[in-house]
Amino acid sequence: MTGSHLPPIIVSWSTGKDSALALHSIKRQGYPIHSLVTVFRKEDDRVSVHGINRKLLRAQAESLGLPLLEIETSPQRKYEQAVTEGLQSFSKLGINQIAYGDLFLEDIKQWRDAFHQKFGYTCLYPLWRMPTQALAHKFIGSGFKAIVVCVDTKKLNQSFAGRPYDHDFLTDLPSDVDPCGENGEFHTFVYDGPDFSNAIPFKKSPPKIRDFEDGAHQFTFGFSDLQLA
């Protein structure tokens, strides 16, 4: 199917650059976008890992002109349960496809495919296997603007948090760090770009060290907290 014959889909939205590029690519392919979907931690009202608060997320969705489904997780309501219940609400509308911004981690892709298949969904990966160095420069060259909100301090110095995601940032990255941060080295917040009607105004704080748990794994991140200006 092509053009207007493509079915409406939803897009997994992390607030970062890979989600923004996936949305941009899916739109260019002609898919009607029904909604963005973001998963929150109920205990601190922030997007998991990225640490972006709800006000900034909603400002992004408003600037993008898209509805937003906010899915909350908690110690009592784990990711799988929350996402299953959230996405099944779209199934009643005949929507059964979701786009992700994954790049090359095969184990993550296989897990997503198997998980979503349980409730009748198909995952789309518009950026899959694209060379990450070229993709990073394409993101910048296309007019997107992003800030690095957190870094894994085992892989990057905390001073990288709070920096613009630009050509200078890419030049300064150690050679063993993926330019798109696909291995979790860093995460971003996109505040402007070709799909935005306006830039998102924000204030940032100096980087601080925070510990973060994801299941059985624990990370030490350098965070630059953002607030809507």
Protein backbone atom coordinates (compact mmCIF):
# COMPACT_ATOMS: atom_id res chain seq x y z
CA MET A 1 0.00 0.00 0.00
CA THR A 2 1.17 3.52 -0.73
CA GLY A 3 0.15 7.09 -0.09
CA SER A 4 -3.37 7.69 1.19
CA HIS A 5 -4.07 3.92 1.16
CA LEU A 6 -1.70 3.33 4.07
CA PRO A 7 -3.41 2.63 7.41
CA PRO A 8 -3.07 5.02 10.37
CA ILE A 9 -0.35 4.08 12.84
CA ILE A 10 0.96 5.19 16.22
CA VAL A 11 4.55 6.20 16.98
CA SER A 12 6.52 5.35 20.11
CA TRP A 13 7.78 8.71 21.36
CA SER A 14 10.71 8.90 23.80
CA THR A 15 11.13 12.70 23.36
CA GLY A 16 14.53 12.09 21.73
CA LYS A 17 16.12 12.29 18.31
CA ASP A 18 15.52 8.70 17.16
CA SER A 19 11.79 9.04 17.79
CA ALA A 20 11.78 12.37 15.94
CA LEU A 21 13.57 10.84 12.96
CA ALA A 22 11.27 7.80 12.95
CA LEU A 23 8.21 10.07 12.97
CA HIS A 24 9.69 12.21 10.20
CA SER A 25 10.44 9.13 8.07
CA ILE A 26 7.03 7.52 8.62
CA LYS A 27 5.27 10.76 7.67
CA ARG A 28 7.34 11.01 4.47
CA GLN A 29 6.29 7.47 3.59
CA GLY A 30 2.69 8.65 3.67
CA TYR A 31 1.43 6.98 6.83
CA PRO A 32 -1.31 8.91 8.66
CA ILE A 33 -0.15 9.37 12.27
CA HIS A 34 -2.94 8.73 14.74
CA SER A 35 -1.03 9.40 17.99
CA LEU A 36 2.26 9.49 19.80
CA VAL A 37 2.72 7.02 22.68
CA THR A 38 5.02 7.67 25.65
CA VAL A 39 5.67 5.59 28.75
CA PHE A 40 6.02 7.38 32.10
CA ARG A 41 7.23 6.40 35.53
CA LYS A 42 4.32 7.25 37.84
CA GLU A 43 6.58 7.73 40.86
CA ASP A 44 8.36 10.79 39.44
CA ASP A 45 6.16 11.71 36.45
CA ARG A 46 9.05 11.43 33.99
CA VAL A 47 9.79 9.55 30.78
CA SER A 48 11.81 6.45 31.58
CA VAL A 49 15.60 6.83 31.10
CA HIS A 50 15.39 10.21 29.35
CA GLY A 51 14.03 11.80 32.53
CA ILE A 52 11.88 14.34 30.67
CA ASN A 53 8.91 15.70 32.61
CA ARG A 54 5.33 15.64 31.40
CA LYS A 55 5.07 19.39 30.66
CA LEU A 56 7.91 19.22 28.15
CA LEU A 57 6.48 16.11 26.52
CA ARG A 58 3.07 17.71 26.11
CA ALA A 59 4.69 20.82 24.63
CA GLN A 60 6.36 18.59 22.03
CA ALA A 61 3.09 16.90 21.11
CA GLU A 62 1.32 20.25 20.83
CA SER A 63 4.04 21.66 18.57
CA LEU A 64 3.91 18.49 16.45
CA GLY A 65 0.11 18.78 16.24
CA LEU A 66 -0.43 15.18 17.32
CA PRO A 67 -2.53 13.50 20.02
CA LEU A 68 -0.54 11.88 22.83
CA LEU A 69 -1.25 8.70 24.79
CA GLU A 70 0.51 8.79 28.16
CA ILE A 71 1.06 5.31 29.62
CA GLU A 72 2.03 5.15 33.29
CA THR A 73 4.10 2.42 34.89
CA SER A 74 4.64 1.82 38.59
CA PRO A 75 6.08 -0.88 40.84
CA GLN A 76 2.57 -2.37 40.86
CA ARG A 77 1.92 -1.87 37.13
CA LYS A 78 4.90 -3.05 35.12
CA TYR A 79 5.79 -2.01 31.58
CA GLU A 80 4.31 -5.04 29.83
CA GLN A 81 0.93 -4.72 31.54
CA ALA A 82 0.71 -0.95 31.12
CA VAL A 83 1.67 -0.95 27.45
CA THR A 84 -0.57 -3.88 26.58
CA GLU A 85 -3.59 -2.17 28.15
CA GLY A 86 -2.73 1.17 26.56
CA LEU A 87 -2.22 -0.11 23.03
CA GLN A 88 -5.27 -2.36 23.10
CA SER A 89 -7.36 0.80 23.33
CA PHE A 90 -6.14 1.60 19.80
CA SER A 91 -6.97 -1.91 18.58
CA LYS A 92 -10.64 -1.09 19.03
CA LEU A 93 -10.11 1.69 16.45
CA GLY A 94 -8.56 -0.70 13.94
CA ILE A 95 -4.99 0.44 14.60
CA ASN A 96 -2.45 -2.35 14.93
CA GLN A 97 0.90 -0.90 13.87
CA ILE A 98 3.45 1.05 15.92
CA ALA A 99 6.69 2.65 14.73
CA TYR A 100 9.92 2.62 16.75
CA GLY A 101 13.20 4.47 16.28
CA ASP A 102 15.47 1.48 16.90
CA LEU A 103 18.63 1.37 14.80
CA PHE A 104 20.56 -1.89 15.10
CA LEU A 105 20.06 -3.73 18.42
CA GLU A 106 18.67 -7.05 17.19
CA ASP A 107 17.73 -8.35 20.66
CA ILE A 108 15.59 -5.28 21.35
CA LYS A 109 13.87 -5.62 17.97
CA GLN A 110 13.14 -9.31 18.53
CA TRP A 111 11.72 -8.58 21.98
CA ARG A 112 9.48 -5.80 20.65
CA ASP A 113 8.20 -7.95 17.80
CA ALA A 114 7.39 -10.89 20.09
CA PHE A 115 5.80 -8.69 22.76
CA HIS A 116 3.54 -6.76 20.38
CA GLN A 117 2.56 -9.87 18.43
CA LYS A 118 0.83 -11.18 21.57
CA PHE A 119 -1.90 -8.57 21.16
CA GLY A 120 -2.00 -8.35 17.38
CA TYR A 121 0.42 -5.50 16.67
CA THR A 122 3.12 -5.17 14.02
CA CYS A 123 6.20 -3.03 14.67
CA LEU A 124 7.70 -0.78 12.00
CA TYR A 125 11.35 0.32 12.12
CA PRO A 126 11.88 3.11 9.58
CA LEU A 127 15.50 3.73 10.67
CA TRP A 128 16.59 0.10 10.94
CA ARG A 129 20.19 -0.57 9.89
CA MET A 130 20.83 2.97 8.70
CA PRO A 131 24.51 3.92 9.27
CA THR A 132 24.46 5.83 12.53
CA GLN A 133 27.21 8.32 11.66
CA ALA A 134 25.34 9.40 8.53
CA LEU A 135 22.02 9.37 10.40
CA ALA A 136 23.39 11.65 13.13
CA HIS A 137 24.57 14.22 10.60
CA LYS A 138 21.30 13.90 8.67
CA PHE A 139 19.37 14.71 11.84
CA ILE A 140 21.37 17.90 12.35
CA GLY A 141 21.43 18.84 8.68
CA SER A 142 17.65 18.43 8.38
CA GLY A 143 17.09 21.24 10.88
CA PHE A 144 16.29 19.23 14.00
CA LYS A 145 17.59 20.66 17.26
CA ALA A 146 18.19 18.60 20.37
CA ILE A 147 19.98 18.76 23.70
CA VAL A 148 21.73 15.87 25.43
CA VAL A 149 19.81 15.31 28.67
CA CYS A 150 21.66 12.35 30.15
CA VAL A 151 24.77 10.24 29.68
CA ASP A 152 25.90 6.86 31.00
CA THR A 153 28.94 7.84 33.05
CA LYS A 154 30.57 4.45 32.37
CA LYS A 155 30.85 5.55 28.76
CA LEU A 156 30.88 9.37 28.77
CA ASN A 157 31.95 12.11 31.14
CA GLN A 158 28.97 13.80 32.80
CA SER A 159 30.04 17.10 31.18
CA PHE A 160 28.52 15.84 27.92
CA ALA A 161 25.06 16.17 29.53
CA GLY A 162 23.44 19.51 28.77
CA ARG A 163 25.34 19.98 25.51
CA PRO A 164 23.62 20.65 22.18
CA TYR A 165 23.47 17.61 19.94
CA ASP A 166 25.45 19.18 17.10
CA HIS A 167 28.51 18.58 14.94
CA ASP A 168 30.85 19.67 17.75
CA PHE A 169 29.27 17.12 20.08
CA LEU A 170 29.76 14.36 17.51
CA THR A 171 33.38 15.38 16.95
CA ASP A 172 34.10 15.22 20.69
CA LEU A 173 32.63 11.74 21.21
CA PRO A 174 35.12 8.96 22.02
CA SER A 175 35.60 6.53 19.15
CA ASP A 176 33.84 3.69 21.00
CA VAL A 177 30.62 5.69 21.53
CA ASP A 178 27.91 5.35 18.89
CA PRO A 179 27.08 8.76 17.34
CA CYS A 180 23.37 8.08 17.88
CA GLY A 181 23.86 6.65 21.38
CA GLU A 182 22.15 3.43 20.34
CA ASN A 183 23.97 1.45 23.05
CA GLY A 184 22.54 3.73 25.74
CA GLU A 185 25.58 6.02 25.94
CA PHE A 186 23.40 9.15 25.93
CA HIS A 187 19.83 10.36 25.40
CA THR A 188 18.40 13.56 23.95
CA PHE A 189 15.41 15.89 24.03
CA VAL A 190 14.30 17.35 20.67
CA TYR A 191 13.01 20.90 20.99
CA ASP A 192 12.69 22.00 17.35
CA GLY A 193 12.69 20.65 13.82
CA PRO A 194 10.93 20.46 10.47
CA ASP A 195 7.83 18.77 11.96
CA PHE A 196 7.48 21.27 14.83
CA SER A 197 5.29 24.36 14.55
CA ASN A 198 7.38 26.12 17.17
CA ALA A 199 10.51 25.55 19.25
CA ILE A 200 10.01 24.27 22.80
CA PRO A 201 11.38 26.85 25.29
CA PHE A 202 13.28 25.28 28.17
CA LYS A 203 15.70 25.95 30.99
CA LYS A 204 18.46 23.50 31.88
CA SER A 205 20.37 22.76 35.06
CA PRO A 206 24.07 21.83 35.39
CA PRO A 207 24.70 18.07 35.12
CA LYS A 208 24.21 16.02 38.28
CA ILE A 209 24.86 12.37 38.99
CA ARG A 210 21.84 10.11 39.49
CA ASP A 211 21.48 6.36 39.88
CA PHE A 212 18.87 4.68 37.70
CA GLU A 213 17.50 1.14 37.88
CA ASP A 214 16.03 -0.69 34.90
CA GLY A 215 14.91 -4.12 35.98
CA ALA A 216 17.98 -6.03 37.15
CA HIS A 217 20.38 -3.38 35.78
CA GLN A 218 21.63 -0.29 37.55
CA PHE A 219 23.19 2.71 35.84
CA THR A 220 24.89 5.86 36.96
CA PHE A 221 23.82 8.74 34.71
CA GLY A 222 24.85 12.34 34.42
CA PHE A 223 21.57 14.29 34.07
CA SER A 224 20.95 17.85 32.98
CA ASP A 225 17.40 18.47 34.13
CA LEU A 226 15.14 20.47 31.82
CA GLN A 227 12.16 22.60 32.74
CA LEU A 228 9.63 24.26 30.46
CA ALA A 229 10.52 27.98 30.26
